Amino acid sequence: MADDPARTDADLMLLLGQTSHALANELTAGLEGLGVSARANCVLSKAMVGEFTQGHLAQICDLDRTTMVATLDELEAAGLAERRPAPGDRRARIVAVTDEGARVVAEARAVVDRVYDDVLGTLPARERAAFVSALERLVTGRLSTQATCEKPVRRRAERAPTVIT
């Protein structure tokens, strides 16, 4: 199989894992001054787009239910978001971003853009769009559904609670 042009000796999972970890650290460092984590920023920025329930927002942000509740507790305590009753469903809550939360999202957008531009800037210009497009195709196509297995891989939990000031 050494002649197979589709074969690669690169450890794809290791490379993607290292890339994800390094990027998460860069975003965390960049957002620290704003008092939000990358996860909290994701929730806030996605919540600004429309009226989403906690559950729907958790799906959009790829968070489990427990993590979403903890994140929203932090955001509410910081005055950046609030839960409001969903019209037509007393059990569901809509996540609303406060004015202060919107201000933080705007500042965070500049940080995220700067980090992304810096990271992607290490690639030749012709490869940047193709790289991002390929990742999008993977997560919306082939990797969009999880494989069924006896012991599914758990997402790594944060080691310490995120503090939002």
Protein backbone atom coordinates (compact mmCIF):
# COMPACT_ATOMS: atom_id res chain seq x y z
CA MET A 1 0.00 0.00 0.00
CA ALA A 2 3.02 2.30 0.04
CA ASP A 3 2.16 3.39 -3.52
CA ASP A 4 -1.38 4.47 -2.52
CA PRO A 5 -1.55 8.26 -3.15
CA ALA A 6 -4.35 8.63 -0.56
CA ARG A 7 -2.19 7.07 2.19
CA THR A 8 -0.52 9.34 4.67
CA ASP A 9 1.91 8.51 7.42
CA ALA A 10 0.85 11.57 9.39
CA ASP A 11 -1.10 10.91 12.58
CA LEU A 12 -4.21 12.93 11.66
CA MET A 13 -5.84 12.62 15.07
CA LEU A 14 -2.70 13.74 16.86
CA LEU A 15 -2.19 16.69 14.49
CA LEU A 16 -5.80 17.87 14.78
CA GLY A 17 -5.72 17.41 18.56
CA GLN A 18 -2.50 19.41 18.91
CA THR A 19 -3.86 22.12 16.62
CA SER A 20 -7.11 22.34 18.57
CA HIS A 21 -5.32 22.46 21.91
CA ALA A 22 -2.86 25.14 20.80
CA LEU A 23 -5.61 27.28 19.28
CA ALA A 24 -7.77 26.93 22.40
CA ASN A 25 -4.83 28.11 24.52
CA GLU A 26 -4.23 31.11 22.24
CA LEU A 27 -7.90 32.10 22.39
CA THR A 28 -7.98 31.61 26.15
CA ALA A 29 -4.96 33.86 26.58
CA GLY A 30 -6.39 36.46 24.23
CA LEU A 31 -9.80 36.54 25.91
CA GLU A 32 -8.53 36.58 29.51
CA GLY A 33 -8.44 40.37 29.58
CA LEU A 34 -12.15 40.44 28.77
CA GLY A 35 -12.96 37.99 31.56
CA VAL A 36 -14.52 35.36 29.30
CA SER A 37 -13.46 31.92 28.18
CA ALA A 38 -13.56 30.79 24.57
CA ARG A 39 -16.55 28.62 25.51
CA ALA A 40 -18.44 31.52 27.12
CA ASN A 41 -17.65 33.70 24.11
CA CYS A 42 -19.00 31.00 21.79
CA VAL A 43 -22.25 30.82 23.75
CA LEU A 44 -22.65 34.61 23.84
CA SER A 45 -21.84 35.16 20.19
CA LYS A 46 -24.17 32.39 19.00
CA ALA A 47 -26.96 33.58 21.34
CA MET A 48 -26.82 37.02 19.74
CA VAL A 49 -27.89 35.64 16.37
CA GLY A 50 -31.41 34.66 17.43
CA GLU A 51 -33.68 33.43 20.18
CA PHE A 52 -32.33 30.00 21.06
CA THR A 53 -33.28 27.75 23.92
CA GLN A 54 -30.52 26.50 26.19
CA GLY A 55 -30.74 23.07 24.55
CA HIS A 56 -30.55 24.37 21.01
CA LEU A 57 -27.68 26.69 21.90
CA ALA A 58 -25.84 23.76 23.50
CA GLN A 59 -26.14 21.87 20.21
CA ILE A 60 -24.92 24.86 18.19
CA CYS A 61 -21.91 25.28 20.50
CA ASP A 62 -21.27 21.52 20.74
CA LEU A 63 -21.64 21.51 24.53
CA ASP A 64 -23.25 18.91 26.73
CA ARG A 65 -26.21 19.93 28.87
CA THR A 66 -24.27 20.14 32.14
CA THR A 67 -21.53 22.30 30.64
CA MET A 68 -24.14 24.60 29.10
CA VAL A 69 -25.90 25.08 32.44
CA ALA A 70 -22.60 25.86 34.19
CA THR A 71 -21.60 28.28 31.42
CA LEU A 72 -24.95 30.08 31.56
CA ASP A 73 -24.73 30.28 35.36
CA GLU A 74 -21.36 32.03 34.95
CA LEU A 75 -22.64 34.36 32.23
CA GLU A 76 -25.69 35.31 34.28
CA ALA A 77 -23.62 35.93 37.40
CA ALA A 78 -21.38 38.25 35.36
CA GLY A 79 -24.39 40.10 33.93
CA LEU A 80 -23.56 39.09 30.36
CA ALA A 81 -26.62 36.94 29.63
CA GLU A 82 -29.95 35.99 31.10
CA ARG A 83 -32.42 33.16 30.74
CA ARG A 84 -35.95 34.11 29.82
CA PRO A 85 -39.05 31.93 29.55
CA ALA A 86 -39.59 30.62 26.03
CA PRO A 87 -42.89 31.63 24.48
CA GLY A 88 -45.18 28.62 24.37
CA ASP A 89 -43.03 26.34 26.54
CA ARG A 90 -42.84 27.03 30.27
CA ARG A 91 -40.03 24.52 30.75
CA ALA A 92 -37.68 25.95 28.13
CA ARG A 93 -35.51 29.03 28.55
CA ILE A 94 -34.29 31.41 25.86
CA VAL A 95 -30.77 32.75 26.30
CA ALA A 96 -30.67 36.52 25.91
CA VAL A 97 -27.44 38.53 25.75
CA THR A 98 -27.41 41.69 27.85
CA ASP A 99 -26.04 45.02 26.61
CA GLU A 100 -22.84 44.34 28.57
CA GLY A 101 -22.66 40.87 27.00
CA ALA A 102 -23.00 42.40 23.54
CA ARG A 103 -20.14 44.79 24.33
CA VAL A 104 -17.95 41.88 25.44
CA VAL A 105 -18.83 39.91 22.28
CA ALA A 106 -17.80 42.86 20.10
CA GLU A 107 -14.45 43.17 21.89
CA ALA A 108 -13.97 39.40 21.83
CA ARG A 109 -14.64 39.33 18.08
CA ALA A 110 -11.62 41.57 17.55
CA VAL A 111 -9.47 39.23 19.68
CA VAL A 112 -10.72 36.10 17.89
CA ASP A 113 -10.20 37.70 14.47
CA ARG A 114 -6.66 38.71 15.43
CA VAL A 115 -5.79 35.21 16.68
CA TYR A 116 -7.33 33.51 13.63
CA ASP A 117 -5.59 35.91 11.24
CA ASP A 118 -2.29 35.35 13.03
CA VAL A 119 -2.63 31.56 13.02
CA LEU A 120 -3.83 31.32 9.42
CA GLY A 121 -1.21 33.87 8.43
CA THR A 122 1.42 31.17 8.95
CA LEU A 123 0.01 29.37 5.90
CA PRO A 124 0.62 30.55 2.35
CA ALA A 125 -2.29 32.75 1.22
CA ARG A 126 -3.49 30.22 -1.37
CA GLU A 127 -3.81 27.49 1.29
CA ARG A 128 -5.78 29.42 3.95
CA ALA A 129 -9.26 29.31 2.42
CA ALA A 130 -8.75 25.74 1.21
CA PHE A 131 -7.69 24.62 4.71
CA VAL A 132 -10.73 26.16 6.42
CA SER A 133 -13.05 24.90 3.67
CA ALA A 134 -11.68 21.38 4.01
CA LEU A 135 -12.24 21.41 7.79
CA GLU A 136 -15.80 22.67 7.30
CA ARG A 137 -16.50 19.91 4.77
CA LEU A 138 -15.17 17.29 7.18
CA VAL A 139 -17.28 18.41 10.16
CA THR A 140 -20.45 18.93 8.12
CA GLY A 141 -19.94 15.83 5.99
CA ARG A 142 -18.02 12.69 6.86
CA LEU A 143 -17.49 13.57 10.54
CA SER A 144 -20.94 15.08 11.16
CA THR A 145 -22.30 11.99 12.87
CA GLN A 146 -20.58 10.12 15.65
CA ALA A 147 -19.64 6.51 15.17
CA THR A 148 -21.46 4.07 17.41
CA CYS A 149 -19.14 2.34 19.82
CA GLU A 150 -19.37 0.57 23.14
CA LYS A 151 -17.27 3.14 25.01
CA PRO A 152 -17.66 6.48 23.24
CA VAL A 153 -14.87 9.00 23.58
CA ARG A 154 -15.73 11.65 26.14
CA ARG A 155 -14.87 15.24 25.56
CA ARG A 156 -12.28 16.53 27.96
CA ALA A 157 -13.73 18.61 30.77
CA GLU A 158 -12.06 21.81 31.89
CA ARG A 159 -9.78 21.29 34.84
CA ALA A 160 -10.88 24.37 36.74
CA PRO A 161 -14.09 26.41 36.64
CA THR A 162 -14.04 29.40 34.34
CA VAL A 163 -14.17 32.68 36.22
CA ILE A 164 -15.88 35.61 34.53
CA THR A 165 -15.26 38.98 36.11
